[in-house]
C-alpha atoms as a PDB file:
ATOM      1  CA  MET A   1      75.705  98.184  73.117  1.00  0.00           C
ATOM      2  CA  ILE A   2      77.696 101.389  72.565  1.00  0.00           C
ATOM      3  CA  GLY A   3      75.554 103.849  70.619  1.00  0.00           C
ATOM      4  CA  GLU A   4      76.435 106.061  67.685  1.00  0.00           C
ATOM      5  CA  GLU A   5      76.228 109.192  69.868  1.00  0.00           C
ATOM      6  CA  GLN A   6      78.910 107.835  72.226  1.00  0.00           C
ATOM      7  CA  ILE A   7      81.173 106.993  69.297  1.00  0.00           C
ATOM      8  CA  GLU A   8      80.707 110.426  67.706  1.00  0.00           C
ATOM      9  CA  GLY A   9      81.391 112.002  71.114  1.00  0.00           C
ATOM     10  CA  ILE A  10      84.731 110.175  71.379  1.00  0.00           C
ATOM     11  CA  LEU A  11      85.798 111.168  67.864  1.00  0.00           C
ATOM     12  CA  LYS A  12      84.688 114.780  68.420  1.00  0.00           C
ATOM     13  CA  ARG A  13      86.683 114.985  71.682  1.00  0.00           C
ATOM     14  CA  LEU A  14      89.816 113.668  69.907  1.00  0.00           C
ATOM     15  CA  ALA A  15      89.415 116.282  67.152  1.00  0.00           C
ATOM     16  CA  GLU A  16      89.032 119.012  69.790  1.00  0.00           C
ATOM     17  CA  LEU A  17      92.228 117.886  71.530  1.00  0.00           C
ATOM     18  CA  GLU A  18      94.111 117.859  68.218  1.00  0.00           C
ATOM     19  CA  ALA A  19      92.921 121.374  67.390  1.00  0.00           C
ATOM     20  CA  THR A  20      93.778 122.770  70.846  1.00  0.00           C
ATOM     21  CA  MET A  21      97.256 121.193  70.790  1.00  0.00           C
ATOM     22  CA  ALA A  22      97.904 122.516  67.272  1.00  0.00           C
ATOM     23  CA  ALA A  23      96.987 126.030  68.433  1.00  0.00           C
ATOM     24  CA  GLY A  24      99.838 125.966  70.946  1.00  0.00           C
ATOM     25  CA  GLY A  25      99.717 127.690  74.334  1.00  0.00           C
ATOM     26  CA  ASP A  26     101.507 127.228  77.654  1.00  0.00           C
ATOM     27  CA  SER A  27     103.676 124.138  78.013  1.00  0.00           C
ATOM     28  CA  GLU A  28     101.975 122.868  81.185  1.00  0.00           C
ATOM     29  CA  LYS A  29      98.592 122.784  79.450  1.00  0.00           C
ATOM     30  CA  PHE A  30     100.154 121.133  76.376  1.00  0.00           C
ATOM     31  CA  VAL A  31     101.630 118.346  78.544  1.00  0.00           C
ATOM     32  CA  ARG A  32      98.224 117.722  80.151  1.00  0.00           C
ATOM     33  CA  LEU A  33      96.462 117.690  76.769  1.00  0.00           C
ATOM     34  CA  SER A  34      99.131 115.373  75.318  1.00  0.00           C
ATOM     35  CA  LYS A  35      98.466 112.902  78.112  1.00  0.00           C
ATOM     36  CA  ASP A  36      94.698 113.068  77.478  1.00  0.00           C
ATOM     37  CA  TYR A  37      95.306 112.616  73.748  1.00  0.00           C
ATOM     38  CA  ALA A  38      97.586 109.590  74.276  1.00  0.00           C
ATOM     39  CA  GLU A  39      94.889 107.924  76.398  1.00  0.00           C
ATOM     40  CA  LEU A  40      92.015 108.756  74.042  1.00  0.00           C
ATOM     41  CA  ALA A  41      93.679 108.023  70.672  1.00  0.00           C
ATOM     42  CA  PRO A  42      93.545 104.172  70.886  1.00  0.00           C
ATOM     43  CA  VAL A  43      89.919 104.348  72.113  1.00  0.00           C
ATOM     44  CA  ALA A  44      89.027 106.630  69.204  1.00  0.00           C
ATOM     45  CA  LYS A  45      90.738 104.304  66.726  1.00  0.00           C
ATOM     46  CA  THR A  46      88.601 101.364  67.912  1.00  0.00           C
ATOM     47  CA  ALA A  47      85.476 103.546  67.981  1.00  0.00           C
ATOM     48  CA  ALA A  48      86.089 104.609  64.369  1.00  0.00           C
ATOM     49  CA  ALA A  49      86.583 100.956  63.370  1.00  0.00           C
ATOM     50  CA  VAL A  50      83.225 100.024  64.971  1.00  0.00           C
ATOM     51  CA  ARG A  51      81.470 102.938  63.233  1.00  0.00           C
ATOM     52  CA  ASP A  52      83.013 102.035  59.840  1.00  0.00           C
ATOM     53  CA  LEU A  53      82.098  98.353  60.181  1.00  0.00           C
ATOM     54  CA  ARG A  54      78.501  99.200  61.109  1.00  0.00           C
ATOM     55  CA  MET A  55      78.271 101.498  58.067  1.00  0.00           C
ATOM     56  CA  GLU A  56      79.733  98.757  55.868  1.00  0.00           C
ATOM     57  CA  ILE A  57      77.104  96.270  57.124  1.00  0.00           C
ATOM     58  CA  ALA A  58      74.354  98.812  56.410  1.00  0.00           C
ATOM     59  CA  ASP A  59      75.677  99.462  52.880  1.00  0.00           C
ATOM     60  CA  LEU A  60      75.990  95.732  52.152  1.00  0.00           C
ATOM     61  CA  GLY A  61      72.485  95.195  53.522  1.00  0.00           C
ATOM     62  CA  GLY A  62      71.210  97.769  51.063  1.00  0.00           C
ATOM     63  CA  MET A  63      72.902  95.954  48.183  1.00  0.00           C
ATOM     64  CA  VAL A  64      71.442  92.597  49.273  1.00  0.00           C
ATOM     65  CA  ALA A  65      67.938  94.075  49.527  1.00  0.00           C
ATOM     66  CA  ASP A  66      68.145  95.870  46.151  1.00  0.00           C
ATOM     67  CA  PRO A  67      66.148  93.794  43.631  1.00  0.00           C
ATOM     68  CA  ASP A  68      67.751  95.665  40.736  1.00  0.00           C
ATOM     69  CA  SER A  69      71.319  94.699  41.633  1.00  0.00           C
ATOM     70  CA  ASP A  70      73.143  91.872  39.891  1.00  0.00           C
ATOM     71  CA  LEU A  71      72.569  88.393  41.423  1.00  0.00           C
ATOM     72  CA  GLU A  72      76.300  87.690  41.628  1.00  0.00           C
ATOM     73  CA  MET A  73      76.844  91.056  43.354  1.00  0.00           C
ATOM     74  CA  ARG A  74      74.047  90.297  45.844  1.00  0.00           C
ATOM     75  CA  GLU A  75      75.598  86.894  46.676  1.00  0.00           C
ATOM     76  CA  LEU A  76      79.013  88.492  47.175  1.00  0.00           C
ATOM     77  CA  ALA A  77      77.483  91.223  49.352  1.00  0.00           C
ATOM     78  CA  THR A  78      75.661  88.550  51.409  1.00  0.00           C
ATOM     79  CA  GLU A  79      78.980  86.745  52.084  1.00  0.00           C
ATOM     80  CA  GLU A  80      80.775  89.965  52.983  1.00  0.00           C
ATOM     81  CA  MET A  81      77.916  91.088  55.237  1.00  0.00           C
ATOM     82  CA  ALA A  82      77.974  87.753  57.121  1.00  0.00           C
ATOM     83  CA  ALA A  83      81.751  88.067  57.665  1.00  0.00           C
ATOM     84  CA  ALA A  84      81.385  91.681  58.843  1.00  0.00           C
ATOM     85  CA  ARG A  85      78.589  90.722  61.257  1.00  0.00           C
ATOM     86  CA  ASP A  86      80.836  87.996  62.686  1.00  0.00           C
ATOM     87  CA  ARG A  87      83.633  90.570  63.286  1.00  0.00           C
ATOM     88  CA  LEU A  88      81.411  93.259  64.810  1.00  0.00           C
ATOM     89  CA  PRO A  89      80.677  91.766  68.292  1.00  0.00           C
ATOM     90  CA  GLU A  90      84.391  91.210  68.959  1.00  0.00           C
ATOM     91  CA  LEU A  91      85.205  94.773  67.881  1.00  0.00           C
ATOM     92  CA  GLU A  92      82.354  96.195  69.995  1.00  0.00           C
ATOM     93  CA  LYS A  93      83.616  94.233  73.017  1.00  0.00           C
ATOM     94  CA  GLU A  94      87.109  95.634  72.400  1.00  0.00           C
ATOM     95  CA  LEU A  95      85.626  99.139  72.424  1.00  0.00           C
ATOM     96  CA  GLN A  96      83.753  98.431  75.665  1.00  0.00           C
ATOM     97  CA  PHE A  97      87.018  97.385  77.331  1.00  0.00           C
ATOM     98  CA  ALA A  98      88.787 100.465  75.947  1.00  0.00           C
ATOM     99  CA  MET A  99      86.053 102.677  77.439  1.00  0.00           C
ATOM    100  CA  LEU A 100      86.203 101.152  80.925  1.00  0.00           C
ATOM    101  CA  PRO A 101      86.958 103.664  83.701  1.00  0.00           C
ATOM    102  CA  ARG A 102      90.685 104.125  84.099  1.00  0.00           C
ATOM    103  CA  ASP A 103      92.541 104.054  87.403  1.00  0.00           C
ATOM    104  CA  ALA A 104      94.204 107.468  87.530  1.00  0.00           C
ATOM    105  CA  ALA A 105      97.232 105.888  89.228  1.00  0.00           C
ATOM    106  CA  ASP A 106      97.874 103.290  86.490  1.00  0.00           C
ATOM    107  CA  THR A 107     100.438 105.476  84.735  1.00  0.00           C
ATOM    108  CA  LYS A 108     102.392 106.148  87.930  1.00  0.00           C
ATOM    109  CA  ASN A 109     105.605 104.594  89.173  1.00  0.00           C
ATOM    110  CA  ALA A 110     105.365 102.418  92.278  1.00  0.00           C
ATOM    111  CA  ILE A 111     106.734 102.051  95.781  1.00  0.00           C
ATOM    112  CA  LEU A 112     107.109  98.357  96.664  1.00  0.00           C
ATOM    113  CA  GLU A 113     107.138  97.261 100.305  1.00  0.00           C
ATOM    114  CA  VAL A 114     107.912  93.666 101.293  1.00  0.00           C
ATOM    115  CA  ARG A 115     107.701  92.529 104.922  1.00  0.00           C
ATOM    116  CA  ALA A 116     108.321  89.175 106.576  1.00  0.00           C
ATOM    117  CA  GLY A 117     105.168  87.857 108.232  1.00  0.00           C
ATOM    118  CA  THR A 118     104.535  84.765 110.348  1.00  0.00           C
ATOM    119  CA  GLY A 119     107.269  82.159 110.206  1.00  0.00           C
ATOM    120  CA  GLY A 120     110.388  83.692 111.762  1.00  0.00           C
ATOM    121  CA  ASP A 121     113.647  83.225 109.829  1.00  0.00           C
ATOM    122  CA  GLU A 122     111.926  81.274 107.064  1.00  0.00           C
ATOM    123  CA  ALA A 123     109.470  84.169 106.509  1.00  0.00           C
ATOM    124  CA  ALA A 124     112.426  86.578 106.269  1.00  0.00           C
ATOM    125  CA  LEU A 125     114.131  84.334 103.689  1.00  0.00           C
ATOM    126  CA  PHE A 126     110.899  84.142 101.677  1.00  0.00           C
ATOM    127  CA  ALA A 127     110.523  87.952 101.831  1.00  0.00           C
ATOM    128  CA  ALA A 128     114.032  88.203 100.336  1.00  0.00           C
ATOM    129  CA  ASP A 129     113.007  85.728  97.584  1.00  0.00           C
ATOM    130  CA  LEU A 130     109.949  87.850  96.755  1.00  0.00           C
ATOM    131  CA  LEU A 131     112.028  91.024  96.627  1.00  0.00           C
ATOM    132  CA  ARG A 132     114.430  89.346  94.155  1.00  0.00           C
ATOM    133  CA  MET A 133     111.436  88.109  92.110  1.00  0.00           C
ATOM    134  CA  TYR A 134     110.115  91.660  91.708  1.00  0.00           C
ATOM    135  CA  GLN A 135     113.603  92.985  90.958  1.00  0.00           C
ATOM    136  CA  ARG A 136     114.022  90.437  88.141  1.00  0.00           C
ATOM    137  CA  TYR A 137     110.514  91.153  86.871  1.00  0.00           C
ATOM    138  CA  ALA A 138     111.408  94.862  86.763  1.00  0.00           C
ATOM    139  CA  GLU A 139     114.575  94.073  84.777  1.00  0.00           C
ATOM    140  CA  ILE A 140     112.564  91.956  82.276  1.00  0.00           C
ATOM    141  CA  ASN A 141     110.205  94.928  81.748  1.00  0.00           C
ATOM    142  CA  GLY A 142     113.037  97.427  81.423  1.00  0.00           C
ATOM    143  CA  TRP A 143     112.028  99.250  84.616  1.00  0.00           C
ATOM    144  CA  LYS A 144     114.435 100.884  87.062  1.00  0.00           C
ATOM    145  CA  PHE A 145     114.494  99.129  90.443  1.00  0.00           C
ATOM    146  CA  GLU A 146     116.029 101.094  93.325  1.00  0.00           C
ATOM    147  CA  LEU A 147     116.257  99.727  96.859  1.00  0.00           C
ATOM    148  CA  MET A 148     115.396 102.547  99.251  1.00  0.00           C
ATOM    149  CA  ASP A 149     115.492 100.865 102.651  1.00  0.00           C
ATOM    150  CA  VAL A 150     116.117  97.338 103.889  1.00  0.00           C
ATOM    151  CA  SER A 151     116.255  95.706 107.300  1.00  0.00           C
ATOM    152  CA  GLY A 152     118.052  92.379 107.106  1.00  0.00           C
ATOM    153  CA  SER A 153     117.905  89.219 109.199  1.00  0.00           C
ATOM    154  CA  ASP A 154     120.842  87.160 110.480  1.00  0.00           C
ATOM    155  CA  LEU A 155     120.377  84.298 107.977  1.00  0.00           C
ATOM    156  CA  GLY A 156     120.372  86.504 104.879  1.00  0.00           C
ATOM    157  CA  GLY A 157     116.664  87.194 104.750  1.00  0.00           C
ATOM    158  CA  ILE A 158     114.903  90.523 105.173  1.00  0.00           C
ATOM    159  CA  ARG A 159     112.538  91.718 107.874  1.00  0.00           C
ATOM    160  CA  ASP A 160     111.278  94.488 105.620  1.00  0.00           C
ATOM    161  CA  ALA A 161     112.354  96.340 102.486  1.00  0.00           C
ATOM    162  CA  VAL A 162     111.174  99.315 100.454  1.00  0.00           C
ATOM    163  CA  ALA A 163     111.998  99.819  96.771  1.00  0.00           C
ATOM    164  CA  SER A 164     111.139 102.349  94.092  1.00  0.00           C
ATOM    165  CA  ILE A 165     110.180 100.952  90.663  1.00  0.00           C
ATOM    166  CA  THR A 166     110.182 103.417  87.783  1.00  0.00           C
ATOM    167  CA  GLY A 167     109.008 102.839  84.222  1.00  0.00           C
ATOM    168  CA  ARG A 168     106.083 102.659  81.837  1.00  0.00           C
ATOM    169  CA  GLY A 169     102.863 101.257  83.333  1.00  0.00           C
ATOM    170  CA  VAL A 170     104.527 100.030  86.538  1.00  0.00           C
ATOM    171  CA  PHE A 171     101.599 100.524  88.924  1.00  0.00           C
ATOM    172  CA  ALA A 172      99.054  99.188  86.408  1.00  0.00           C
ATOM    173  CA  LYS A 173     101.026  95.930  86.281  1.00  0.00           C
ATOM    174  CA  LEU A 174     101.960  95.587  89.943  1.00  0.00           C
ATOM    175  CA  LYS A 175      98.913  96.891  91.829  1.00  0.00           C
ATOM    176  CA  PHE A 176      97.329  93.443  92.190  1.00  0.00           C
ATOM    177  CA  GLU A 177     100.420  92.154  94.066  1.00  0.00           C
ATOM    178  CA  SER A 178      99.321  93.778  97.344  1.00  0.00           C
ATOM    179  CA  GLY A 179      98.371  91.181  99.945  1.00  0.00           C
ATOM    180  CA  VAL A 180      99.679  88.217 101.907  1.00  0.00           C
ATOM    181  CA  HIS A 181     101.925  85.826  99.980  1.00  0.00           C
ATOM    182  CA  ARG A 182     102.236  82.369 101.565  1.00  0.00           C
ATOM    183  CA  VAL A 183     105.069  79.892 101.050  1.00  0.00           C
ATOM    184  CA  GLN A 184     105.100  76.139 101.715  1.00  0.00           C
ATOM    185  CA  ARG A 185     108.554  74.535 101.660  1.00  0.00           C
ATOM    186  CA  VAL A 186     111.149  72.657 103.695  1.00  0.00           C
ATOM    187  CA  PRO A 187     113.438  75.238 105.363  1.00  0.00           C
ATOM    188  CA  GLU A 188     117.201  74.718 105.080  1.00  0.00           C
ATOM    189  CA  THR A 189     117.316  74.666 108.874  1.00  0.00           C
ATOM    190  CA  GLU A 190     114.759  71.806 109.072  1.00  0.00           C
ATOM    191  CA  SER A 191     116.620  68.558 109.763  1.00  0.00           C
ATOM    192  CA  GLN A 192     113.630  66.194 109.456  1.00  0.00           C
ATOM    193  CA  GLY A 193     112.401  67.409 106.071  1.00  0.00           C
ATOM    194  CA  ARG A 194     109.068  68.773 107.301  1.00  0.00           C
ATOM    195  CA  ILE A 195     107.228  71.327 105.181  1.00  0.00           C
ATOM    196  CA  HIS A 196     106.738  74.663 106.916  1.00  0.00           C
ATOM    197  CA  THR A 197     104.240  77.375 106.057  1.00  0.00           C
ATOM    198  CA  SER A 198     105.217  81.013 106.418  1.00  0.00           C
ATOM    199  CA  ALA A 199     104.189  84.299 104.879  1.00  0.00           C
ATOM    200  CA  ALA A 200     105.272  87.719 103.696  1.00  0.00           C
ATOM    201  CA  THR A 201     103.222  90.831 103.079  1.00  0.00           C
ATOM    202  CA  VAL A 202     103.541  92.857  99.887  1.00  0.00           C
ATOM    203  CA  ALA A 203     102.247  96.400  99.445  1.00  0.00           C
ATOM    204  CA  VAL A 204     102.415  98.211  96.112  1.00  0.00           C
ATOM    205  CA  LEU A 205     101.703 101.942  96.352  1.00  0.00           C
ATOM    206  CA  PRO A 206     101.434 104.430  93.481  1.00  0.00           C
ATOM    207  CA  GLU A 207     104.249 106.938  93.723  1.00  0.00           C
ATOM    208  CA  ALA A 208     102.709 110.303  94.561  1.00  0.00           C
ATOM    209  CA  GLU A 209     103.919 113.616  93.223  1.00  0.00           C
ATOM    210  CA  GLU A 210     103.884 116.722  95.412  1.00  0.00           C
ATOM    211  CA  ILE A 211     100.809 117.900  93.504  1.00  0.00           C
ATOM    212  CA  ASP A 212      98.931 114.737  94.628  1.00  0.00           C
ATOM    213  CA  VAL A 213      99.603 115.087  98.354  1.00  0.00           C
ATOM    214  CA  ASP A 214     100.063 118.244 100.389  1.00  0.00           C
ATOM    215  CA  VAL A 215     102.405 117.550 103.306  1.00  0.00           C
ATOM    216  CA  GLU A 216     102.841 120.321 105.876  1.00  0.00           C
ATOM    217  CA  ALA A 217     106.298 120.595 107.460  1.00  0.00           C
ATOM    218  CA  SER A 218     104.621 121.238 110.838  1.00  0.00           C
ATOM    219  CA  ASP A 219     102.962 117.795 110.597  1.00  0.00           C
ATOM    220  CA  LEU A 220     106.331 116.006 110.489  1.00  0.00           C
ATOM    221  CA  ARG A 221     108.718 114.825 113.181  1.00  0.00           C
ATOM    222  CA  VAL A 222     112.135 113.995 111.745  1.00  0.00           C
ATOM    223  CA  ASP A 223     114.607 111.861 113.702  1.00  0.00           C
ATOM    224  CA  THR A 224     118.139 110.963 112.655  1.00  0.00           C
ATOM    225  CA  TYR A 225     120.015 107.888 113.810  1.00  0.00           C
ATOM    226  CA  ARG A 226     122.956 105.701 112.869  1.00  0.00           C
ATOM    227  CA  ALA A 227     122.295 103.175 110.083  1.00  0.00           C
ATOM    228  CA  GLN A 228     122.385  99.533 111.127  1.00  0.00           C
ATOM    229  CA  GLY A 229     123.078  96.306 109.269  1.00  0.00           C
ATOM    230  CA  ALA A 230     121.920  92.743 109.893  1.00  0.00           C
ATOM    231  CA  GLY A 231     122.201  91.743 113.532  1.00  0.00           C
ATOM    232  CA  GLY A 232     122.113  95.371 114.652  1.00  0.00           C
ATOM    233  CA  GLN A 233     125.740  96.311 113.934  1.00  0.00           C
ATOM    234  CA  HIS A 234     126.368  99.942 112.939  1.00  0.00           C
ATOM    235  CA  VAL A 235     127.342 100.257 109.275  1.00  0.00           C
ATOM    236  CA  ASN A 236     128.473 103.902 109.314  1.00  0.00           C
ATOM    237  CA  LYS A 237     129.739 106.410 111.825  1.00  0.00           C
ATOM    238  CA  THR A 238     127.342 109.303 111.162  1.00  0.00           C
ATOM    239  CA  ASP A 239     123.656 109.784 111.905  1.00  0.00           C
ATOM    240  CA  SER A 240     122.642 109.559 108.241  1.00  0.00           C
ATOM    241  CA  ALA A 241     119.559 107.351 108.669  1.00  0.00           C
ATOM    242  CA  ILE A 242     116.236 109.214 108.699  1.00  0.00           C
ATOM    243  CA  ARG A 243     112.925 108.414 110.379  1.00  0.00           C
ATOM    244  CA  ILE A 244     109.938 110.623 109.550  1.00  0.00           C
ATOM    245  CA  THR A 245     106.684 110.474 111.513  1.00  0.00           C
ATOM    246  CA  HIS A 246     103.559 112.026 110.018  1.00  0.00           C
ATOM    247  CA  LEU A 247     101.862 113.215 113.201  1.00  0.00           C
ATOM    248  CA  PRO A 248      98.217 113.487 111.982  1.00  0.00           C
ATOM    249  CA  THR A 249      98.136 109.871 110.739  1.00  0.00           C
ATOM    250  CA  GLY A 250     100.884 108.213 112.773  1.00  0.00           C
ATOM    251  CA  ILE A 251     102.529 106.895 109.575  1.00  0.00           C
ATOM    252  CA  VAL A 252     106.259 106.269 110.122  1.00  0.00           C
ATOM    253  CA  VAL A 253     108.801 105.892 107.310  1.00  0.00           C
ATOM    254  CA  GLN A 254     112.523 105.451 107.496  1.00  0.00           C
ATOM    255  CA  CYS A 255     115.458 105.269 105.110  1.00  0.00           C
ATOM    256  CA  GLN A 256     119.042 104.305 105.830  1.00  0.00           C
ATOM    257  CA  ASP A 257     120.195 103.012 102.447  1.00  0.00           C
ATOM    258  CA  ASN A 258     122.340 106.023 101.554  1.00  0.00           C
ATOM    259  CA  LYS A 259     125.298 107.568 103.366  1.00  0.00           C
ATOM    260  CA  SER A 260     123.841 110.997 102.645  1.00  0.00           C
ATOM    261  CA  GLN A 261     121.270 112.214 105.183  1.00  0.00           C
ATOM    262  CA  HIS A 262     119.818 114.552 102.523  1.00  0.00           C
ATOM    263  CA  LYS A 263     119.254 111.682 100.047  1.00  0.00           C
ATOM    264  CA  ASN A 264     117.753 109.469 102.741  1.00  0.00           C
ATOM    265  CA  ARG A 265     115.347 112.257 103.685  1.00  0.00           C
ATOM    266  CA  ALA A 266     114.270 112.729 100.044  1.00  0.00           C
ATOM    267  CA  LYS A 267     113.655 108.987  99.672  1.00  0.00           C
ATOM    268  CA  ALA A 268     111.746 108.808 102.969  1.00  0.00           C
ATOM    269  CA  MET A 269     109.519 111.709 101.845  1.00  0.00           C
ATOM    270  CA  LYS A 270     108.814 109.875  98.582  1.00  0.00           C
ATOM    271  CA  VAL A 271     107.633 106.814 100.555  1.00  0.00           C
ATOM    272  CA  LEU A 272     105.603 108.985 102.956  1.00  0.00           C
ATOM    273  CA  ARG A 273     103.798 110.729 100.093  1.00  0.00           C
ATOM    274  CA  ALA A 274     103.054 107.346  98.504  1.00  0.00           C
ATOM    275  CA  ARG A 275     101.562 106.011 101.757  1.00  0.00           C
ATOM    276  CA  LEU A 276      99.417 109.097 102.303  1.00  0.00           C
ATOM    277  CA  TYR A 277      98.226 108.999  98.672  1.00  0.00           C
ATOM    278  CA  ASP A 278      97.467 105.285  99.019  1.00  0.00           C
ATOM    279  CA  ALA A 279      95.506 105.894 102.224  1.00  0.00           C
ATOM    280  CA  GLU A 280      93.335 108.419 100.349  1.00  0.00           C
ATOM    281  CA  ARG A 281      92.824 105.916  97.504  1.00  0.00           C
ATOM    282  CA  GLN A 282      91.929 103.146  99.957  1.00  0.00           C
ATOM    283  CA  LYS A 283      89.371 105.429 101.600  1.00  0.00           C
ATOM    284  CA  ALA A 284      87.807 106.318  98.237  1.00  0.00           C
ATOM    285  CA  ASP A 285      87.834 102.646  97.162  1.00  0.00           C
ATOM    286  CA  SER A 286      86.088 101.522 100.347  1.00  0.00           C
ATOM    287  CA  GLU A 287      83.434 104.204  99.902  1.00  0.00           C
ATOM    288  CA  ARG A 288      82.781 103.030  96.324  1.00  0.00           C
ATOM    289  CA  ALA A 289      82.858  99.375  97.389  1.00  0.00           C
ATOM    290  CA  SER A 290      80.142  99.977  99.962  1.00  0.00           C
ATOM    291  CA  THR A 291      77.701 100.641  97.123  1.00  0.00           C
ATOM    292  CA  ARG A 292      78.666  97.578  95.089  1.00  0.00           C
ATOM    293  CA  LYS A 293      80.302  94.183  95.600  1.00  0.00           C
ATOM    294  CA  GLU A 294      84.029  93.933  96.265  1.00  0.00           C
ATOM    295  CA  GLN A 295      86.123  93.447  93.156  1.00  0.00           C
ATOM    296  CA  VAL A 296      89.401  91.637  92.539  1.00  0.00           C
ATOM    297  CA  GLY A 297      92.307  93.909  93.258  1.00  0.00           C
ATOM    298  CA  SER A 298      90.922  95.703  96.272  1.00  0.00           C
ATOM    299  CA  GLY A 299      94.465  95.593  97.663  1.00  0.00           C
ATOM    300  CA  ASP A 300      93.408  94.277 101.064  1.00  0.00           C
ATOM    301  CA  ARG A 301      96.754  93.453 102.634  1.00  0.00           C
ATOM    302  CA  SER A 302      95.242  91.222 105.307  1.00  0.00           C
ATOM    303  CA  GLU A 303      93.980  88.863 102.610  1.00  0.00           C
ATOM    304  CA  ARG A 304      95.991  85.797 101.527  1.00  0.00           C
ATOM    305  CA  ILE A 305      96.258  86.190  97.778  1.00  0.00           C
ATOM    306  CA  ARG A 306      98.822  83.627  96.628  1.00  0.00           C
ATOM    307  CA  THR A 307     100.556  80.424  97.693  1.00  0.00           C
ATOM    308  CA  TYR A 308     104.012  79.317  96.519  1.00  0.00           C
ATOM    309  CA  ASN A 309     104.324  75.539  97.039  1.00  0.00           C
ATOM    310  CA  PHE A 310     107.949  74.483  96.514  1.00  0.00           C
ATOM    311  CA  PRO A 311     107.601  70.674  96.945  1.00  0.00           C
ATOM    312  CA  GLN A 312     104.981  70.617  94.161  1.00  0.00           C
ATOM    313  CA  GLY A 313     106.601  73.372  92.087  1.00  0.00           C
ATOM    314  CA  ARG A 314     103.357  75.296  91.837  1.00  0.00           C
ATOM    315  CA  VAL A 315     102.050  78.787  92.453  1.00  0.00           C
ATOM    316  CA  THR A 316      98.334  79.417  93.042  1.00  0.00           C
ATOM    317  CA  ASP A 317      96.575  82.773  92.955  1.00  0.00           C
ATOM    318  CA  HIS A 318      93.497  82.291  95.140  1.00  0.00           C
ATOM    319  CA  ARG A 319      91.562  85.297  93.817  1.00  0.00           C
ATOM    320  CA  ILE A 320      91.140  83.833  90.345  1.00  0.00           C
ATOM    321  CA  ASN A 321      91.852  80.144  91.128  1.00  0.00           C
ATOM    322  CA  LEU A 322      94.836  80.145  88.788  1.00  0.00           C
ATOM    323  CA  THR A 323      97.512  77.489  89.333  1.00  0.00           C
ATOM    324  CA  LEU A 324     100.784  77.362  87.380  1.00  0.00           C
ATOM    325  CA  TYR A 325     103.336  74.587  87.697  1.00  0.00           C
ATOM    326  CA  LYS A 326     106.111  77.067  86.916  1.00  0.00           C
ATOM    327  CA  LEU A 327     107.396  78.025  90.338  1.00  0.00           C
ATOM    328  CA  ASP A 328     111.038  78.363  89.201  1.00  0.00           C
ATOM    329  CA  LYS A 329     110.030  80.710  86.375  1.00  0.00           C
ATOM    330  CA  MET A 330     107.765  82.616  88.745  1.00  0.00           C
ATOM    331  CA  MET A 331     110.578  83.220  91.230  1.00  0.00           C
ATOM    332  CA  SER A 332     112.916  84.292  88.409  1.00  0.00           C
ATOM    333  CA  GLY A 333     110.328  86.846  87.281  1.00  0.00           C
ATOM    334  CA  GLU A 334     109.712  85.151  83.914  1.00  0.00           C
ATOM    335  CA  ALA A 335     106.195  83.833  84.673  1.00  0.00           C
ATOM    336  CA  VAL A 336     104.953  86.813  86.712  1.00  0.00           C
ATOM    337  CA  ASP A 337     103.291  88.289  83.603  1.00  0.00           C
ATOM    338  CA  GLU A 338     101.110  85.177  83.202  1.00  0.00           C
ATOM    339  CA  VAL A 339      99.556  85.770  86.621  1.00  0.00           C
ATOM    340  CA  VAL A 340      99.458  89.566  86.286  1.00  0.00           C
ATOM    341  CA  ASP A 341      97.775  89.438  82.848  1.00  0.00           C
ATOM    342  CA  ALA A 342      95.162  86.964  84.127  1.00  0.00           C
ATOM    343  CA  LEU A 343      94.404  89.252  87.102  1.00  0.00           C
ATOM    344  CA  ILE A 344      94.067  92.301  84.845  1.00  0.00           C
ATOM    345  CA  ALA A 345      91.740  90.409  82.479  1.00  0.00           C
ATOM    346  CA  ASP A 346      89.607  89.238  85.407  1.00  0.00           C
ATOM    347  CA  HIS A 347      89.455  92.772  86.824  1.00  0.00           C
ATOM    348  CA  GLN A 348      88.387  94.178  83.445  1.00  0.00           C
ATOM    349  CA  ALA A 349      85.667  91.516  83.136  1.00  0.00           C
ATOM    350  CA  ALA A 350      84.392  92.419  86.628  1.00  0.00           C
ATOM    351  CA  LEU A 351      84.354  96.130  85.718  1.00  0.00           C
ATOM    352  CA  LEU A 352      82.476  95.379  82.497  1.00  0.00           C
ATOM    353  CA  ALA A 353      79.910  93.224  84.320  1.00  0.00           C
ATOM    354  CA  ASP A 354      79.448  95.983  86.912  1.00  0.00           C
ATOM    355  CA  LEU A 355      79.036  98.581  84.163  1.00  0.00           C
ATOM    356  CA  GLU A 356      76.455  96.455  82.340  1.00  0.00           C
ATOM    357  CA  ALA A 357      74.566  95.697  85.585  1.00  0.00           C
ATOM    358  CA  HIS A 358      74.335  99.393  86.515  1.00  0.00           C
ATOM    359  CA  GLY A 359      74.325 100.817  82.993  1.00  0.00           C
END
């Protein structure tokens, strides 16, 4: 149970932030404090509600135990105390969830990478379907979806694509999408109606700012080349496409979506920073995971996380054994939230259990 000292500590910290912000100061510090305040304010509100309800129960208990108080008042206090005691565990649980450790990247925008896996042309078509699903999901959430690089296949699919998704809480919502997505369906090219299984890999990376990752110019090799379309044909006459290799890690990024070499370079650097930042996060996560059991949302991209079965119209997330018979709505982005919310809830429950086990 969360003690009174913890609650008073939260409320004291909020008051300190309010006082410091009211005093003014440099704008950079104010922005940082504003962010801290925005994160702490809802936690403090719940903490204050828990404190007030506990005080109310104590006051009502005193009235019930007072032999000099009116019988009718004691009966009323008994009823109110029972109702307050019923509300308290739910409110305390809400506070526990609010106090769970936050992923520092949750507030960031995201870089989405979708790649065709095993299954040839059918895998490329499925990768294109997934990319459209995330684009529609972004539109539903009011996020900005910008395609940064795409390599197409002859039948209208994609071999790989990179997109930037910008908006409120993007990474917090999308981070559990990283992994292998499997599809089971009859390809349009299949004449005998047999169901084929193919796969695509999704990676969701938090977009890194320059302050998050220090990239030395001497560590980069930059190559320019002519942008190509599906089937390898050249789509412009200048060497505007950019390929950047980060020599210390061997990470390679490329961008050919824009006719401007300068814009392609800026976009490629954004993807490179995201991959380097993600590599650091993965390293830190694996170090933490070595001391405790693996949790949902580890982001292991070699792991099959979800199956989309078209003949049965179902989608199954294997990490939480959730099956929805809403495949059409899933692919249109409408039902993505149902899966995402269930994954977030499961992750929070795992964090809470871990906290209680080691608390």
